[in-house]
Amino acid sequence: MAKKQKTASFQPLYFQIKEMIVERVKSGEWKEGEPLPSEFEFARLYNVSQGTVRKAIAEMADEKLVVRFRGKGTFVATHTNEREHSHFFHIVGNDCVKRLPGTRMLTCYRQKATKDIQAHLDLAAGAPVVVLERLRIVDDKPIIFETITVSEKRFPGLCSLLEDQLPNELYPLYESKYKTRVIRAEECIRSITANEREAEALGIEVGMPLLEIDRVAISINDKPVEWRRSHCFTQDYHYQNSLS
């Protein structure tokens, strides 16, 4: 059993406990889908009350790091298509109903990182990357043209893998095949216009307005692992997010 650890005094106690547990999850002490020790065991280990541990675990659950099941305990969160769709996909119909999008791959290729790619993924100049272009399909219509860029070193053989199986959602694939777990993302949103390639793929005219969602996905180790630009034709759709 690990030795009891002292905590600093400049942060709330529950936050310190949360940070210590998160660091142990990051280190791989508990894998995706595995149960954490009980609140009683953590309380005894860190010499704090169960209420303090409960608050720390609750915050981890709010951050989607763990999931709790009544009568079973707390487990390290794992990605599923449903979780990625509900947590990271924000395009809904004008009726405010979110629908599970389909996927059609257009191309997958290797190149050297440009300055923009270097900045977004924190890569060295000229580092090899993989670029995936795909369409997201909703109600049998292509509504999103996506360009996804990742480090080839982190995701070797991704294009070959996608030839054999094209998953609807990528984050579960990153986790199962490459041991890379996305826990959060940073997004910037702006209005752009469709270029020729996007217009042809989406079945719209060149120059039509699109909504650009520029997203960097962050791993559990706080590293940028994916740069995704989603160009959305929102004539019958809009962006919806829940704030808490």
Protein backbone atom coordinates (compact mmCIF):
# COMPACT_ATOMS: atom_id res chain seq x y z
CA MET A 1 0.00 0.00 0.00
CA ALA A 2 1.24 3.52 -0.79
CA LYS A 3 2.47 5.61 2.09
CA LYS A 4 0.24 8.31 3.49
CA GLN A 5 0.94 11.58 1.78
CA LYS A 6 1.10 15.05 3.26
CA THR A 7 -0.97 17.78 1.68
CA ALA A 8 -0.18 21.45 1.19
CA SER A 9 -2.33 24.10 2.81
CA PHE A 10 -2.84 26.66 0.05
CA GLN A 11 -5.57 24.67 -1.78
CA PRO A 12 -8.87 23.32 -0.41
CA LEU A 13 -8.29 19.88 1.05
CA TYR A 14 -10.72 18.10 -1.30
CA PHE A 15 -8.93 19.67 -4.29
CA GLN A 16 -5.56 18.39 -3.06
CA ILE A 17 -7.02 14.90 -2.66
CA LYS A 18 -8.53 15.08 -6.14
CA GLU A 19 -5.20 16.11 -7.67
CA MET A 20 -3.39 13.22 -5.98
CA ILE A 21 -5.95 10.70 -7.22
CA VAL A 22 -5.88 12.17 -10.74
CA GLU A 23 -2.08 11.89 -10.84
CA ARG A 24 -2.36 8.22 -9.96
CA VAL A 25 -4.92 7.70 -12.74
CA LYS A 26 -2.61 9.50 -15.18
CA SER A 27 0.26 7.24 -14.17
CA GLY A 28 -1.82 4.22 -15.17
CA GLU A 29 -2.27 2.82 -11.68
CA TRP A 30 -5.92 2.23 -12.60
CA LYS A 31 -6.77 1.58 -16.25
CA GLU A 32 -9.86 2.68 -18.17
CA GLY A 33 -12.91 0.83 -16.88
CA GLU A 34 -11.20 -0.36 -13.69
CA PRO A 35 -12.65 0.41 -10.24
CA LEU A 36 -11.05 2.90 -7.88
CA PRO A 37 -10.61 2.11 -4.19
CA SER A 38 -13.58 2.95 -2.01
CA GLU A 39 -14.07 6.34 -0.37
CA PHE A 40 -13.26 4.67 2.97
CA GLU A 41 -9.94 3.35 1.62
CA PHE A 42 -8.95 6.73 0.19
CA ALA A 43 -9.95 8.45 3.43
CA ARG A 44 -7.77 6.09 5.43
CA LEU A 45 -4.85 6.42 3.00
CA TYR A 46 -4.85 10.24 2.98
CA ASN A 47 -5.99 10.66 6.59
CA VAL A 48 -9.05 12.75 5.69
CA SER A 49 -12.79 12.37 6.11
CA GLN A 50 -14.92 10.37 3.69
CA GLY A 51 -16.83 13.58 2.99
CA THR A 52 -13.62 15.19 1.69
CA VAL A 53 -12.95 12.19 -0.55
CA ARG A 54 -16.56 12.18 -1.73
CA LYS A 55 -16.25 15.82 -2.83
CA ALA A 56 -12.98 15.07 -4.63
CA ILE A 57 -14.53 12.11 -6.47
CA ALA A 58 -17.63 14.17 -7.33
CA GLU A 59 -15.46 16.78 -9.02
CA MET A 60 -13.64 14.07 -10.97
CA ALA A 61 -17.03 12.75 -12.09
CA ASP A 62 -18.07 16.26 -13.19
CA GLU A 63 -14.88 16.41 -15.27
CA LYS A 64 -15.75 13.03 -16.87
CA LEU A 65 -12.62 11.38 -15.45
CA VAL A 66 -14.61 8.75 -13.56
CA VAL A 67 -18.12 7.32 -13.57
CA ARG A 68 -20.04 6.25 -10.51
CA PHE A 69 -22.55 3.39 -10.30
CA ARG A 70 -24.82 3.05 -7.31
CA GLY A 71 -23.99 -0.10 -5.38
CA LYS A 72 -20.93 -0.88 -7.55
CA GLY A 73 -18.47 1.93 -6.92
CA THR A 74 -16.41 4.43 -8.93
CA PHE A 75 -14.67 3.47 -12.18
CA VAL A 76 -12.12 5.19 -14.42
CA ALA A 77 -14.14 6.57 -17.33
CA THR A 78 -13.75 4.98 -20.74
CA HIS A 79 -14.79 6.31 -24.14
CA THR A 80 -17.78 4.96 -25.99
CA ASN A 81 -19.39 6.22 -29.19
CA GLU A 82 -22.33 7.41 -27.11
CA ARG A 83 -20.12 9.32 -24.67
CA GLU A 84 -18.14 11.03 -27.42
CA HIS A 85 -21.35 11.95 -29.22
CA SER A 86 -23.04 13.34 -26.12
CA HIS A 87 -19.98 15.12 -24.71
CA PHE A 88 -18.14 16.40 -27.80
CA PHE A 89 -20.68 16.64 -30.66
CA HIS A 90 -22.65 19.90 -30.49
CA ILE A 91 -24.49 20.17 -33.80
CA VAL A 92 -28.25 19.73 -33.48
CA GLY A 93 -31.23 20.21 -35.74
CA ASN A 94 -33.32 23.34 -35.54
CA ASP A 95 -35.71 21.25 -33.45
CA CYS A 96 -32.90 21.09 -30.82
CA VAL A 97 -32.71 17.30 -31.11
CA LYS A 98 -29.20 15.83 -31.29
CA ARG A 99 -28.82 12.98 -33.79
CA LEU A 100 -25.99 10.47 -34.01
CA PRO A 101 -23.91 11.44 -37.08
CA GLY A 102 -22.62 8.96 -39.63
CA THR A 103 -19.17 9.15 -41.22
CA ARG A 104 -17.77 8.94 -44.76
CA MET A 105 -13.99 9.10 -45.16
CA LEU A 106 -12.68 11.15 -48.05
CA THR A 107 -8.91 10.77 -47.73
CA CYS A 108 -6.13 9.98 -45.27
CA TYR A 109 -2.51 10.94 -45.92
CA ARG A 110 0.85 11.81 -44.31
CA GLN A 111 2.66 15.12 -44.47
CA LYS A 112 5.11 17.26 -42.50
CA ALA A 113 3.75 19.56 -39.83
CA THR A 114 3.15 23.12 -40.95
CA LYS A 115 3.59 26.04 -38.55
CA ASP A 116 -0.14 25.96 -37.74
CA ILE A 117 0.00 22.23 -37.01
CA GLN A 118 3.13 22.67 -34.88
CA ALA A 119 1.41 25.35 -32.82
CA HIS A 120 -1.81 23.40 -32.32
CA LEU A 121 -0.23 20.02 -31.50
CA ASP A 122 2.99 21.23 -29.86
CA LEU A 123 5.17 19.41 -32.40
CA ALA A 124 8.68 20.00 -33.67
CA ALA A 125 9.20 21.65 -37.06
CA GLY A 126 8.59 19.20 -39.88
CA ALA A 127 7.32 16.41 -37.62
CA PRO A 128 5.34 13.77 -39.55
CA VAL A 129 1.58 14.00 -39.12
CA VAL A 130 -1.49 12.17 -40.38
CA VAL A 131 -4.32 14.17 -41.95
CA LEU A 132 -7.80 12.70 -42.25
CA GLU A 133 -10.62 14.33 -44.21
CA ARG A 134 -14.13 13.04 -43.69
CA LEU A 135 -17.80 13.99 -43.92
CA ARG A 136 -20.29 13.77 -41.06
CA ILE A 137 -23.71 12.68 -42.21
CA VAL A 138 -26.97 13.62 -40.47
CA ASP A 139 -30.44 12.71 -41.80
CA ASP A 140 -28.71 11.17 -44.87
CA LYS A 141 -27.15 14.55 -45.74
CA PRO A 142 -23.49 15.57 -45.47
CA ILE A 143 -23.45 18.62 -43.21
CA ILE A 144 -19.88 18.75 -41.85
CA PHE A 145 -16.54 18.66 -43.67
CA GLU A 146 -13.87 17.70 -41.14
CA THR A 147 -10.10 17.89 -41.31
CA ILE A 148 -8.40 15.99 -38.50
CA THR A 149 -4.65 16.14 -37.86
CA VAL A 150 -2.64 14.02 -35.42
CA SER A 151 0.99 13.16 -34.80
CA GLU A 152 2.11 10.10 -36.76
CA LYS A 153 4.48 9.20 -33.92
CA ARG A 154 1.58 9.02 -31.47
CA PHE A 155 -0.79 7.33 -33.96
CA PRO A 156 1.36 5.12 -36.23
CA GLY A 157 -0.45 3.28 -39.01
CA LEU A 158 -3.68 5.24 -38.52
CA CYS A 159 -4.53 5.47 -42.23
CA SER A 160 -4.08 1.71 -42.70
CA LEU A 161 -6.18 1.05 -39.62
CA LEU A 162 -8.98 3.26 -40.92
CA GLU A 163 -8.99 1.38 -44.24
CA ASP A 164 -9.95 -1.78 -42.37
CA GLN A 165 -12.38 -0.19 -39.94
CA LEU A 166 -13.83 3.30 -40.15
CA PRO A 167 -15.32 4.03 -36.73
CA ASN A 168 -18.05 6.59 -36.39
CA GLU A 169 -16.18 8.16 -33.48
CA LEU A 170 -12.39 8.43 -33.18
CA TYR A 171 -11.75 8.98 -29.47
CA PRO A 172 -12.69 5.39 -28.50
CA LEU A 173 -10.27 4.20 -31.22
CA TYR A 174 -7.48 6.41 -29.87
CA GLU A 175 -8.06 4.87 -26.45
CA SER A 176 -8.37 1.21 -27.46
CA LYS A 177 -5.62 1.07 -30.10
CA TYR A 178 -3.18 3.79 -29.03
CA LYS A 179 -3.73 4.10 -25.26
CA THR A 180 -4.45 7.81 -25.73
CA ARG A 181 -7.45 9.07 -23.81
CA VAL A 182 -9.10 12.40 -24.62
CA ILE A 183 -10.72 14.00 -21.59
CA ARG A 184 -11.40 17.54 -22.74
CA ALA A 185 -11.20 19.87 -25.71
CA GLU A 186 -10.70 23.56 -26.40
CA GLU A 187 -12.81 25.07 -29.17
CA CYS A 188 -12.88 28.31 -31.12
CA ILE A 189 -15.87 29.11 -33.33
CA ARG A 190 -16.15 31.52 -36.25
CA SER A 191 -18.01 32.06 -39.52
CA ILE A 192 -16.28 31.20 -42.82
CA THR A 193 -17.32 30.52 -46.42
CA ALA A 194 -17.18 27.24 -48.34
CA ASN A 195 -14.28 26.68 -50.74
CA GLU A 196 -14.62 24.56 -53.90
CA ARG A 197 -13.69 21.25 -52.26
CA GLU A 198 -16.06 21.77 -49.33
CA ALA A 199 -18.89 22.97 -51.57
CA GLU A 200 -18.63 19.90 -53.79
CA ALA A 201 -18.48 17.51 -50.84
CA LEU A 202 -21.42 19.15 -49.04
CA GLY A 203 -23.51 19.70 -52.17
CA ILE A 204 -23.68 23.48 -51.76
CA GLU A 205 -22.47 26.53 -53.69
CA VAL A 206 -18.99 27.99 -53.30
CA GLY A 207 -19.08 30.91 -50.89
CA MET A 208 -22.00 29.66 -48.82
CA PRO A 209 -21.60 30.42 -45.10
CA LEU A 210 -20.21 27.69 -42.85
CA LEU A 211 -19.61 27.50 -39.13
CA GLU A 212 -16.02 26.55 -38.30
CA ILE A 213 -15.43 24.68 -35.03
CA ASP A 214 -11.67 24.68 -34.45
CA ARG A 215 -10.94 22.11 -31.72
CA VAL A 216 -7.82 20.85 -29.99
CA ALA A 217 -8.39 17.60 -28.07
CA ILE A 218 -6.42 17.23 -24.83
CA SER A 219 -5.32 13.90 -23.33
CA ILE A 220 -5.48 12.87 -19.70
CA ASN A 221 -1.81 13.91 -19.46
CA ASP A 222 -2.71 17.46 -20.55
CA LYS A 223 -1.11 17.02 -24.00
CA PRO A 224 -2.72 18.21 -27.26
CA VAL A 225 -3.32 15.07 -29.33
CA GLU A 226 -5.68 16.07 -32.12
CA TRP A 227 -6.43 19.23 -34.12
CA ARG A 228 -9.87 19.09 -35.71
CA ARG A 229 -11.52 21.68 -37.95
CA SER A 230 -15.22 21.02 -38.52
CA HIS A 231 -16.82 23.15 -41.23
CA CYS A 232 -20.57 22.90 -40.70
CA PHE A 233 -23.39 23.80 -43.06
CA THR A 234 -25.94 25.06 -40.58
CA GLN A 235 -28.91 25.98 -42.77
CA ASP A 236 -31.01 23.39 -40.91
CA TYR A 237 -28.73 22.97 -37.88
CA HIS A 238 -27.06 24.99 -35.16
CA TYR A 239 -24.44 24.68 -32.44
CA GLN A 240 -25.72 23.78 -28.99
CA ASN A 241 -23.73 23.58 -25.75
CA SER A 242 -24.68 23.10 -22.12
CA LEU A 243 -23.02 25.29 -19.51
CA SER A 244 -22.86 24.46 -15.82
